[in-house]
Amino acid sequence: MEQRTLLALMVFSSLIILAETNDQKPAVEIYSLHVDCKVTSRFAHTVITSRIVNRANESREATFEVELPKTAFITNFSMSIDGEVYPGIIKEKAAAQNKYDSAVSQGQSAGLVKITDRKLEQFHVSVSIAAASKVTFELTYEELLKRQLGKYELLIKVRPKQLVKHFQIDVHIFEPQGIHFLETDSTFMTNELTKALTKEQNETKAHILFKPTLDQQKKNSELGETLLNGDFVVRYDVKREATAGDIQVVNGYFVHYFAPQEMPVLPKNVIFVIDRSGSMTGRKIEQTRDALLKILQDLRQEDHFSFITFNHKVLEWKGSLLPATEENMASAAALVQTLTARGGTDISGALLAAVGMLDKAKGLPERSVSMIILLTDGQPTSGERNVEVIQENVQKAINGKYALFCLGFGFDVSYKFLEKMALSNGGIARRIYENADAALQLQGFYQEVATPILMQIEIQYPENSIEGLTKNNFKLFFEGSEIIVSGKISNELDLLPVEIKAQSHTSNLTLKEEANVKEKEQVFQNQRYIFGNFIERLWAYLTIQQLLEKAISAQEEDQKALEAQALDLSLQYSFVTPLTSMVVTKPQQQEELANKPTEADNEKPSNLPAGASSKRFHSRMPWEDDAVAVGVRGGRPADRLRSELQTGINRRMFSTVSRFRDAIRAQPTANGDPQLLLQLPKQNERICLNIDKRAPTSVHLLSDPEQGLTVTGKLGDGVNHFVQFDINYVNPPVQIHVYTHAILVSHNNKNNWLSWTTSTSSTIQGLKVSVEKERSVTASLPDVVTVKISLVRFPEDFLGLYFLNTDRFSNKVTGVLGQFYSKAQFGSNSNNDQRAVERLLGVSGSDHKVSRLESASEPVSCWSIDLTP
């Protein structure tokens, strides 16, 4: 790695304007598209303006899509149609949602923002415009740019999907520290397009302009296809001096950047805790092996390391940390190459083993950084399975001594669980996306934390002169990153002193600096790059981010207070954050919401939070919630069925969309009775319900008078599985009859048949019924438990039943399944409940002896109970 440190800026914005085409010229034409990005001292302000005209002789729909970084906050959006402006209004999320519920009940779509990949989220809005009419879309977002791996990178994704008469990208950069180098790159650039790119640069400013003509945009002169489809990238570095950082001041607010360079690297003591459970099989375990082999090569000679691998059993590689010698790394590489995946997931046992190994480690360098890096793709299914208990135990064991980094592989993990555990222990969480480059993602994360150069950093300012100071104590500083502190200067100060104390590899450091406030403010006066009081907005942005992060690991009372502060700032500075929403009003008073999704929102719901039974067959439930009931087809010996699944006779079942089918057949009973699997609310325990074979054909599964919801199921004639479910709603009065051949929706004596062979949806007074072709049907109503029914054709047709948002059930819920959501409670056990073979379960006033289901190869997280409806 070079001795000089690059300053990394990452801005991602992608523009996709979709429009209908008619031969060579589109009927809905984008005649102007302008991306204007101003980067002022790490704070980026981007405005995207698209002007569209409908050249058809009838109304057409224009769609505006923009991809922006997940870390950005939308600050403004507007549509202007024939001179009428429709602005977006930012409100408290709860209030906006209540206002929007009426629009949802009328069948209008929801959600203008969604996560599209590991770095981006997409803003999407469509509007119908009359013939010969014009519409102008304008979206603004802001972001405090994070330094990663020593580079600033400004990425603009360009996909207009048609030729644009007036196309322009403007990037203005102003860095008072000075610009060390500047370069541009593009995935779609040709020799002809290069002529449309200009770059101007002086000591502190840069302007990049990309303005291709129509002819330059064309793939060839004959066709009207555009070349503009890919990434437009700007990279630059700033000059740095060996000081206590750089302080900038505007209108009484200051920001302090600290990124020391050319310092010795602290030795690391790192334990890799690797999930090798059944769901890691195939591509995941292969990519993990590839990444670990590369990471081993990046260990420094002064580092110490070890491996702990786990499924339902925890295995320590050597029992202690070893120096990173060639011999030890070769031995570790041999271990990595033999990693295979099977079994359950004992996250708790693995993490506590890692902490114990660090606690008893001997011969480690006196000044070194100890860390645990956890990689898992699932949730705890063995050992301790209560995530709150795991978080508490791990935090108590670590006790501030080590840093914990949690990597969640894919979407079957509970990101909230990993994020809270990491943030509570001085680390961060990161999702690893299941893409072809997953191994590179793992390596990239490791590179970010591979070179710690400072620890125990404390940055001090005059106590009585600064208000609203952001975080100023940091456990670790990694080469290539940057510390940012901001606040408001409350008193009239001529000089702003700062003192930094930290520990390096060789000594304790004390760095001091004084900033002349008037001189610093003079730097930013009369700069055309400035957009408003940018340091004040930067301070608000950083404060909101840190309050939200702190709230994740806070106690409930403190969490509410932190979120209240973040909400006030979000509204004051007009930021769309996880606590606010932008209400976008269209013509005819239609309203849609732009909410800020979080990484925890971007995962497949895991109806079995500890999902052992589905995990055994390398996948989990595809819908998120804290409870599930699944109709399971019985009638075959368990061993035979397990063998068929494991040997891949019916591998077509293992598609991403139909992962729940594994669980549907995970536990058939030997006597042929069907099973129902469900998650006990707030207890993190699964129950396997065996319906007595003397049960009537029709089974009353659930009824909740306060929810206005009743669900019954019908067993097939002479078979032991469900072939029909009936869902009845009180308000609106709708009956949904789900058969294996079709779906019947009845309302006010009107029948509407829906086919399994087509994806479709219909809405009745807010109740939305959606069919996913040959997969599932979902019935959802605001503030009511969502019901999802899956279709299984393997080899005979039958149905599976799921409940989502089960926290909405009232305490009056009854039925074979319903009673477990309000009246089920395990009795105390003198032995370790997690290891017990039998326990007592109280249900509706009666005690039932339940037993843990087990297999020869691995534990099954399910307590079996026989019921007669």
Foldseek 3Di string as FASTA:
>chain_A
DDQDFFFAFEWEKEWEKDFAQDAFRTQKAFQAWEWEWFAEAQKIKIKIKTKIWGQDQFKDKTKTKMKTWLQKWWFWKWKAKPNDIFTWAKDFAVVVVVVCLQLLLVPDDFAQWAADDQTIIMGMDMEIHGHGIMMMIMIMIMHRTWWFRRKYKYKYFYHHFFQHQWYKYKYKYFDVQFWPDKDKDWPLDDPLQVVQWDWDDDGGIIIIMRTDHQCSQDPDPPGGGGSRGTMIMMITGGDDDQAQFDWFDAPQKIKGKGAHGSFAFFAEEEEEEEEQALLCADPNLVLVLVLVLVVLVVHDQLYWYWYWYDALDIDTDPLAIDGSDPVVSVVVNVVSVPRHYHFHHAPLVRLLSLLVRVVPYPDHDPGHAYEYEYEDAAAHQADDRQLVVSLVVNLVSCVQVHAYEYEHEAFRYQQLSRQLSRLSRQHGYGYQHPDPCSSVVSNSVCLRVVTWFWAFKAKDWPPVFWPLKDDGTHGTDGRRTMDMIMTGGRDDDQKIKMWMWIAGNPGIDIGIDIDGNVVSNVVPPPDPSDDPRSSVVVSLSRLLVRLCSVLSNDDPVSNVVSVVVSSVSCNVSSTQAQRMWIWTAGPVRNTYIHHSDDVSVPHFAFQQNSAQLLCNLNDGDRHRAPKWKWKAFADDDQVVVVVCSVVPVPVVCCDPQNSCVSSSHSDHDPVQAIWIWMGQPPPSAIATEGEPPVADQKFFAKDFVVLQWTKIFGHDVPGHTTAWMWIAGVVVGWIWIDGLAWIWIDHPNDIDIGGLQDWDWDRNSQWIWTHDRQFWIWTDHPLHWIKIKTWDPVPHIHIIITTHPLVSGDLPMDGPNRQSHRFKDWDDDPDDPSPDQWTWITTPRDIFIWGFDQDPPYGGRYTYTYDYD
